[in-house]
């Protein structure tokens, strides 16, 4: 069985050490508590298909267009979700900063 929470914690610890306090982390999944605890960063989970949810840390997938226009965009994702993001926004370039299991920390460049 994959160690998803452990991988998420290792990615978040790496993000804590290699990003600034002012940087925001974006998730393509819902492992918000693990990520916010270990990264000590502002975190948003961008995975919902619904607009206007009542949880402020969950953003709809439609927000990616605006998020990816910003500088210093750090994304915690999986290999499959990373491929989906690349296919949805093919003109943007990313670099993988760290990997633990199936989890990736990616930066838009």
N, C-alpha and C. Protein backbone atom coordinates (compact mmCIF):
# COMPACT_ATOMS: atom_id res chain seq x y z
N UNK A 1 0.85 -1.18 0.00
CA UNK A 1 0.00 0.00 0.00
C UNK A 1 0.90 1.24 0.00
N UNK A 2 0.66 2.20 -0.90
CA UNK A 2 1.48 3.41 -0.92
C UNK A 2 1.36 4.21 0.37
N UNK A 3 2.46 4.82 0.77
CA UNK A 3 2.49 5.65 1.97
C UNK A 3 2.17 7.08 1.57
N UNK A 4 0.90 7.35 1.25
CA UNK A 4 0.49 8.65 0.71
C UNK A 4 0.72 9.77 1.73
N UNK A 5 0.30 9.58 2.97
CA UNK A 5 0.47 10.64 3.97
C UNK A 5 1.95 10.90 4.23
N UNK A 6 2.77 9.85 4.27
CA UNK A 6 4.21 10.01 4.47
C UNK A 6 4.85 10.76 3.32
N UNK A 7 4.46 10.40 2.09
CA UNK A 7 4.97 11.11 0.91
C UNK A 7 4.56 12.57 0.94
N UNK A 8 3.33 12.82 1.32
CA UNK A 8 2.83 14.20 1.40
C UNK A 8 3.61 14.98 2.45
N UNK A 9 3.91 14.36 3.58
CA UNK A 9 4.67 15.03 4.63
C UNK A 9 6.09 15.33 4.16
N UNK A 10 6.74 14.39 3.48
CA UNK A 10 8.10 14.62 2.98
C UNK A 10 8.14 15.75 1.96
N UNK A 11 7.15 15.81 1.09
CA UNK A 11 7.06 16.89 0.10
C UNK A 11 6.87 18.23 0.82
N UNK A 12 5.99 18.26 1.80
CA UNK A 12 5.70 19.50 2.54
C UNK A 12 6.93 19.97 3.32
N UNK A 13 7.68 19.05 3.91
CA UNK A 13 8.90 19.41 4.63
C UNK A 13 9.93 20.00 3.67
N UNK A 14 10.05 19.41 2.49
CA UNK A 14 10.95 19.95 1.48
C UNK A 14 10.52 21.36 1.08
N UNK A 15 9.23 21.54 0.88
CA UNK A 15 8.69 22.86 0.51
C UNK A 15 9.00 23.88 1.61
N UNK A 16 8.89 23.47 2.85
CA UNK A 16 9.19 24.37 3.96
C UNK A 16 10.64 24.84 3.91
N UNK A 17 11.54 23.96 3.54
CA UNK A 17 12.97 24.28 3.51
C UNK A 17 13.39 25.04 2.25
N UNK A 18 12.62 24.94 1.18
CA UNK A 18 13.05 25.49 -0.11
C UNK A 18 12.13 26.54 -0.70
N UNK A 19 11.18 27.03 0.08
CA UNK A 19 10.33 28.13 -0.35
C UNK A 19 10.36 29.21 0.72
N UNK A 20 9.89 30.39 0.35
CA UNK A 20 9.83 31.50 1.30
C UNK A 20 8.52 31.44 2.09
N UNK A 21 8.54 32.07 3.26
CA UNK A 21 7.33 32.11 4.09
C UNK A 21 6.14 32.70 3.34
N UNK A 22 6.41 33.61 2.42
CA UNK A 22 5.34 34.27 1.68
C UNK A 22 4.81 33.45 0.49
N UNK A 23 5.50 32.37 0.14
CA UNK A 23 5.06 31.54 -0.98
C UNK A 23 3.80 30.75 -0.61
N UNK A 24 2.99 30.51 -1.61
CA UNK A 24 1.75 29.74 -1.44
C UNK A 24 1.93 28.40 -2.12
N UNK A 25 1.44 27.35 -1.49
CA UNK A 25 1.45 26.02 -2.09
C UNK A 25 0.04 25.69 -2.58
N UNK A 26 -0.03 25.11 -3.76
CA UNK A 26 -1.30 24.69 -4.33
C UNK A 26 -1.30 23.17 -4.47
N UNK A 27 -2.35 22.55 -4.02
CA UNK A 27 -2.49 21.09 -4.09
C UNK A 27 -3.46 20.73 -5.21
N UNK A 28 -3.21 19.60 -5.84
CA UNK A 28 -4.19 19.09 -6.80
C UNK A 28 -5.02 17.98 -6.15
N UNK A 29 -5.01 17.96 -4.83
CA UNK A 29 -5.75 16.95 -4.08
C UNK A 29 -6.18 17.54 -2.74
N UNK A 30 -6.57 16.71 -1.83
CA UNK A 30 -7.19 17.19 -0.59
C UNK A 30 -6.35 16.94 0.66
N UNK A 31 -5.06 16.71 0.54
CA UNK A 31 -4.23 16.43 1.72
C UNK A 31 -3.81 17.72 2.43
N UNK A 32 -4.75 18.59 2.59
CA UNK A 32 -4.52 19.91 3.17
C UNK A 32 -3.93 19.87 4.59
N UNK A 33 -4.50 19.13 5.54
CA UNK A 33 -3.96 19.18 6.91
C UNK A 33 -2.49 18.75 6.98
N UNK A 34 -2.13 17.69 6.30
CA UNK A 34 -0.74 17.22 6.30
C UNK A 34 0.17 18.28 5.72
N UNK A 35 -0.22 18.84 4.60
CA UNK A 35 0.63 19.82 3.91
C UNK A 35 0.79 21.10 4.71
N UNK A 36 -0.28 21.63 5.23
CA UNK A 36 -0.18 22.89 5.97
C UNK A 36 0.63 22.68 7.26
N UNK A 37 0.48 21.54 7.91
CA UNK A 37 1.21 21.28 9.14
C UNK A 37 2.72 21.23 8.90
N UNK A 38 3.15 20.45 7.90
CA UNK A 38 4.58 20.25 7.68
C UNK A 38 5.24 21.36 6.87
N UNK A 39 4.50 22.03 6.03
CA UNK A 39 5.11 23.08 5.21
C UNK A 39 5.15 24.43 5.93
N UNK A 40 4.18 24.67 6.80
CA UNK A 40 4.07 25.97 7.48
C UNK A 40 3.88 27.09 6.46
N UNK A 41 3.15 26.79 5.39
CA UNK A 41 2.88 27.76 4.33
C UNK A 41 1.37 27.90 4.17
N UNK A 42 0.99 28.96 3.48
CA UNK A 42 -0.41 29.11 3.08
C UNK A 42 -0.65 28.07 1.98
N UNK A 43 -1.75 27.35 2.10
CA UNK A 43 -2.02 26.23 1.19
C UNK A 43 -3.46 26.31 0.69
N UNK A 44 -3.62 26.07 -0.61
CA UNK A 44 -4.95 25.94 -1.21
C UNK A 44 -5.02 24.61 -1.95
N UNK A 45 -6.13 23.93 -1.82
CA UNK A 45 -6.39 22.70 -2.56
C UNK A 45 -7.25 23.06 -3.77
N UNK A 46 -6.70 22.89 -4.95
CA UNK A 46 -7.38 23.27 -6.19
C UNK A 46 -7.79 21.99 -6.90
N UNK A 47 -8.93 21.45 -6.53
CA UNK A 47 -9.35 20.18 -7.12
C UNK A 47 -10.86 20.08 -7.32
N UNK A 48 -11.61 20.99 -6.78
CA UNK A 48 -13.06 20.89 -6.83
C UNK A 48 -13.60 21.20 -8.23
N UNK A 49 -14.66 20.53 -8.59
CA UNK A 49 -15.34 20.83 -9.85
C UNK A 49 -16.44 21.86 -9.65
N UNK A 50 -16.62 22.33 -8.41
CA UNK A 50 -17.72 23.22 -8.09
C UNK A 50 -17.22 24.61 -7.71
N UNK A 51 -17.89 25.63 -8.21
CA UNK A 51 -17.59 27.02 -7.86
C UNK A 51 -18.27 27.35 -6.54
N UNK A 52 -17.70 28.27 -5.79
CA UNK A 52 -18.36 28.82 -4.63
C UNK A 52 -18.60 27.86 -3.50
N UNK A 53 -17.63 26.97 -3.24
CA UNK A 53 -17.77 26.08 -2.10
C UNK A 53 -17.72 26.86 -0.80
N UNK A 54 -18.09 26.24 0.28
CA UNK A 54 -18.09 26.94 1.55
C UNK A 54 -16.84 26.65 2.39
N UNK A 55 -15.79 26.12 1.78
CA UNK A 55 -14.52 25.91 2.47
C UNK A 55 -13.49 26.81 1.79
N UNK A 56 -12.96 27.80 2.50
CA UNK A 56 -12.09 28.80 1.88
C UNK A 56 -10.77 28.24 1.34
N UNK A 57 -10.31 27.09 1.82
CA UNK A 57 -9.04 26.56 1.34
C UNK A 57 -9.20 25.62 0.14
N UNK A 58 -10.44 25.36 -0.27
CA UNK A 58 -10.67 24.53 -1.46
C UNK A 58 -11.10 25.45 -2.60
N UNK A 59 -10.37 25.38 -3.71
CA UNK A 59 -10.64 26.20 -4.88
C UNK A 59 -11.09 25.30 -6.03
N UNK A 60 -11.92 25.83 -6.92
CA UNK A 60 -12.32 25.04 -8.08
C UNK A 60 -11.19 24.94 -9.10
N UNK A 61 -11.20 23.88 -9.88
CA UNK A 61 -10.18 23.69 -10.92
C UNK A 61 -10.15 24.87 -11.90
N UNK A 62 -11.27 25.54 -12.07
CA UNK A 62 -11.32 26.68 -12.99
C UNK A 62 -10.40 27.82 -12.54
N UNK A 63 -9.96 27.82 -11.28
CA UNK A 63 -9.04 28.85 -10.78
C UNK A 63 -7.61 28.67 -11.27
N UNK A 64 -7.28 27.50 -11.83
CA UNK A 64 -5.91 27.27 -12.30
C UNK A 64 -5.46 28.33 -13.30
N UNK A 65 -6.36 28.75 -14.16
CA UNK A 65 -5.97 29.74 -15.18
C UNK A 65 -5.40 31.00 -14.52
N UNK A 66 -6.04 31.52 -13.51
CA UNK A 66 -5.56 32.71 -12.81
C UNK A 66 -4.35 32.42 -11.94
N UNK A 67 -4.34 31.28 -11.28
CA UNK A 67 -3.22 30.91 -10.41
C UNK A 67 -1.94 30.81 -11.21
N UNK A 68 -2.01 30.19 -12.37
CA UNK A 68 -0.81 29.95 -13.17
C UNK A 68 -0.28 31.21 -13.86
N UNK A 69 -0.98 32.32 -13.73
CA UNK A 69 -0.47 33.59 -14.25
C UNK A 69 0.45 34.27 -13.24
N UNK A 70 0.46 33.79 -12.00
CA UNK A 70 1.27 34.37 -10.94
C UNK A 70 2.72 33.90 -11.04
N UNK A 71 3.60 34.59 -10.33
CA UNK A 71 5.00 34.17 -10.20
C UNK A 71 5.13 33.24 -9.00
N UNK A 72 6.17 32.44 -9.00
CA UNK A 72 6.47 31.53 -7.89
C UNK A 72 5.29 30.66 -7.51
N UNK A 73 4.78 29.93 -8.48
CA UNK A 73 3.67 29.01 -8.24
C UNK A 73 4.25 27.63 -7.95
N UNK A 74 3.99 27.15 -6.73
CA UNK A 74 4.44 25.83 -6.30
C UNK A 74 3.23 24.91 -6.19
N UNK A 75 3.33 23.74 -6.79
CA UNK A 75 2.20 22.81 -6.85
C UNK A 75 2.63 21.46 -6.29
N UNK A 76 1.85 20.94 -5.37
CA UNK A 76 2.05 19.58 -4.87
C UNK A 76 1.00 18.72 -5.56
N UNK A 77 1.48 17.71 -6.26
CA UNK A 77 0.60 16.95 -7.13
C UNK A 77 1.06 15.50 -7.22
N UNK A 78 0.37 14.72 -8.03
CA UNK A 78 0.78 13.36 -8.35
C UNK A 78 1.20 13.33 -9.81
N UNK A 79 1.81 12.24 -10.23
CA UNK A 79 2.25 12.13 -11.62
C UNK A 79 1.07 12.28 -12.58
N UNK A 80 -0.04 11.61 -12.29
CA UNK A 80 -1.21 11.68 -13.17
C UNK A 80 -1.81 13.08 -13.22
N UNK A 81 -1.92 13.71 -12.05
CA UNK A 81 -2.49 15.06 -12.00
C UNK A 81 -1.55 16.08 -12.64
N UNK A 82 -0.26 15.85 -12.55
CA UNK A 82 0.73 16.70 -13.21
C UNK A 82 0.58 16.60 -14.73
N UNK A 83 0.41 15.39 -15.24
CA UNK A 83 0.18 15.20 -16.68
C UNK A 83 -1.09 15.92 -17.13
N UNK A 84 -2.13 15.83 -16.32
CA UNK A 84 -3.39 16.51 -16.64
C UNK A 84 -3.20 18.03 -16.70
N UNK A 85 -2.45 18.57 -15.74
CA UNK A 85 -2.18 20.00 -15.71
C UNK A 85 -1.38 20.43 -16.94
N UNK A 86 -0.39 19.64 -17.33
CA UNK A 86 0.40 19.95 -18.51
C UNK A 86 -0.45 19.90 -19.78
N UNK A 87 -1.35 18.95 -19.85
CA UNK A 87 -2.23 18.84 -21.02
C UNK A 87 -3.23 19.99 -21.09
N UNK A 88 -3.69 20.45 -19.93
CA UNK A 88 -4.66 21.54 -19.88
C UNK A 88 -4.01 22.88 -20.22
N UNK A 89 -2.75 23.07 -19.81
CA UNK A 89 -2.01 24.32 -20.03
C UNK A 89 -0.69 24.00 -20.73
N UNK A 90 -0.74 23.59 -22.00
CA UNK A 90 0.46 23.09 -22.69
C UNK A 90 1.53 24.15 -22.96
N UNK A 91 1.20 25.41 -22.92
CA UNK A 91 2.18 26.45 -23.20
C UNK A 91 3.04 26.80 -22.00
N UNK A 92 2.64 26.36 -20.82
CA UNK A 92 3.39 26.67 -19.61
C UNK A 92 4.46 25.60 -19.37
N UNK A 93 5.53 26.01 -18.73
CA UNK A 93 6.63 25.10 -18.42
C UNK A 93 6.73 24.95 -16.90
N UNK A 94 7.13 23.76 -16.48
CA UNK A 94 7.25 23.43 -15.07
C UNK A 94 8.57 22.71 -14.84
N UNK A 95 9.03 22.73 -13.62
CA UNK A 95 10.17 21.93 -13.23
C UNK A 95 9.82 21.16 -11.96
N UNK A 96 10.23 19.91 -11.91
CA UNK A 96 9.99 19.09 -10.72
C UNK A 96 11.12 19.36 -9.74
N UNK A 97 10.78 19.85 -8.57
CA UNK A 97 11.77 20.18 -7.54
C UNK A 97 12.08 19.02 -6.62
N UNK A 98 11.08 18.17 -6.36
CA UNK A 98 11.26 17.07 -5.40
C UNK A 98 10.18 16.03 -5.65
N UNK A 99 10.53 14.78 -5.39
CA UNK A 99 9.57 13.69 -5.53
C UNK A 99 9.71 12.74 -4.36
N UNK A 100 8.58 12.27 -3.86
CA UNK A 100 8.53 11.24 -2.85
C UNK A 100 7.40 10.30 -3.23
N UNK A 101 7.73 9.09 -3.60
CA UNK A 101 6.72 8.16 -4.09
C UNK A 101 6.06 8.72 -5.33
N UNK A 102 4.75 8.78 -5.34
CA UNK A 102 4.00 9.32 -6.47
C UNK A 102 3.79 10.82 -6.35
N UNK A 103 4.20 11.43 -5.24
CA UNK A 103 3.98 12.85 -4.99
C UNK A 103 5.14 13.68 -5.56
N UNK A 104 4.77 14.84 -6.12
CA UNK A 104 5.74 15.74 -6.72
C UNK A 104 5.55 17.16 -6.18
N UNK A 105 6.66 17.88 -6.02
CA UNK A 105 6.60 19.31 -5.80
C UNK A 105 7.10 19.94 -7.10
N UNK A 106 6.22 20.71 -7.75
CA UNK A 106 6.48 21.27 -9.05
C UNK A 106 6.44 22.78 -8.95
N UNK A 107 7.30 23.45 -9.71
CA UNK A 107 7.27 24.92 -9.78
C UNK A 107 7.03 25.31 -11.23
N UNK A 108 6.12 26.26 -11.41
CA UNK A 108 5.91 26.83 -12.74
C UNK A 108 7.09 27.74 -13.04
N UNK A 109 7.68 27.58 -14.22
CA UNK A 109 8.83 28.43 -14.58
C UNK A 109 8.48 29.33 -15.75
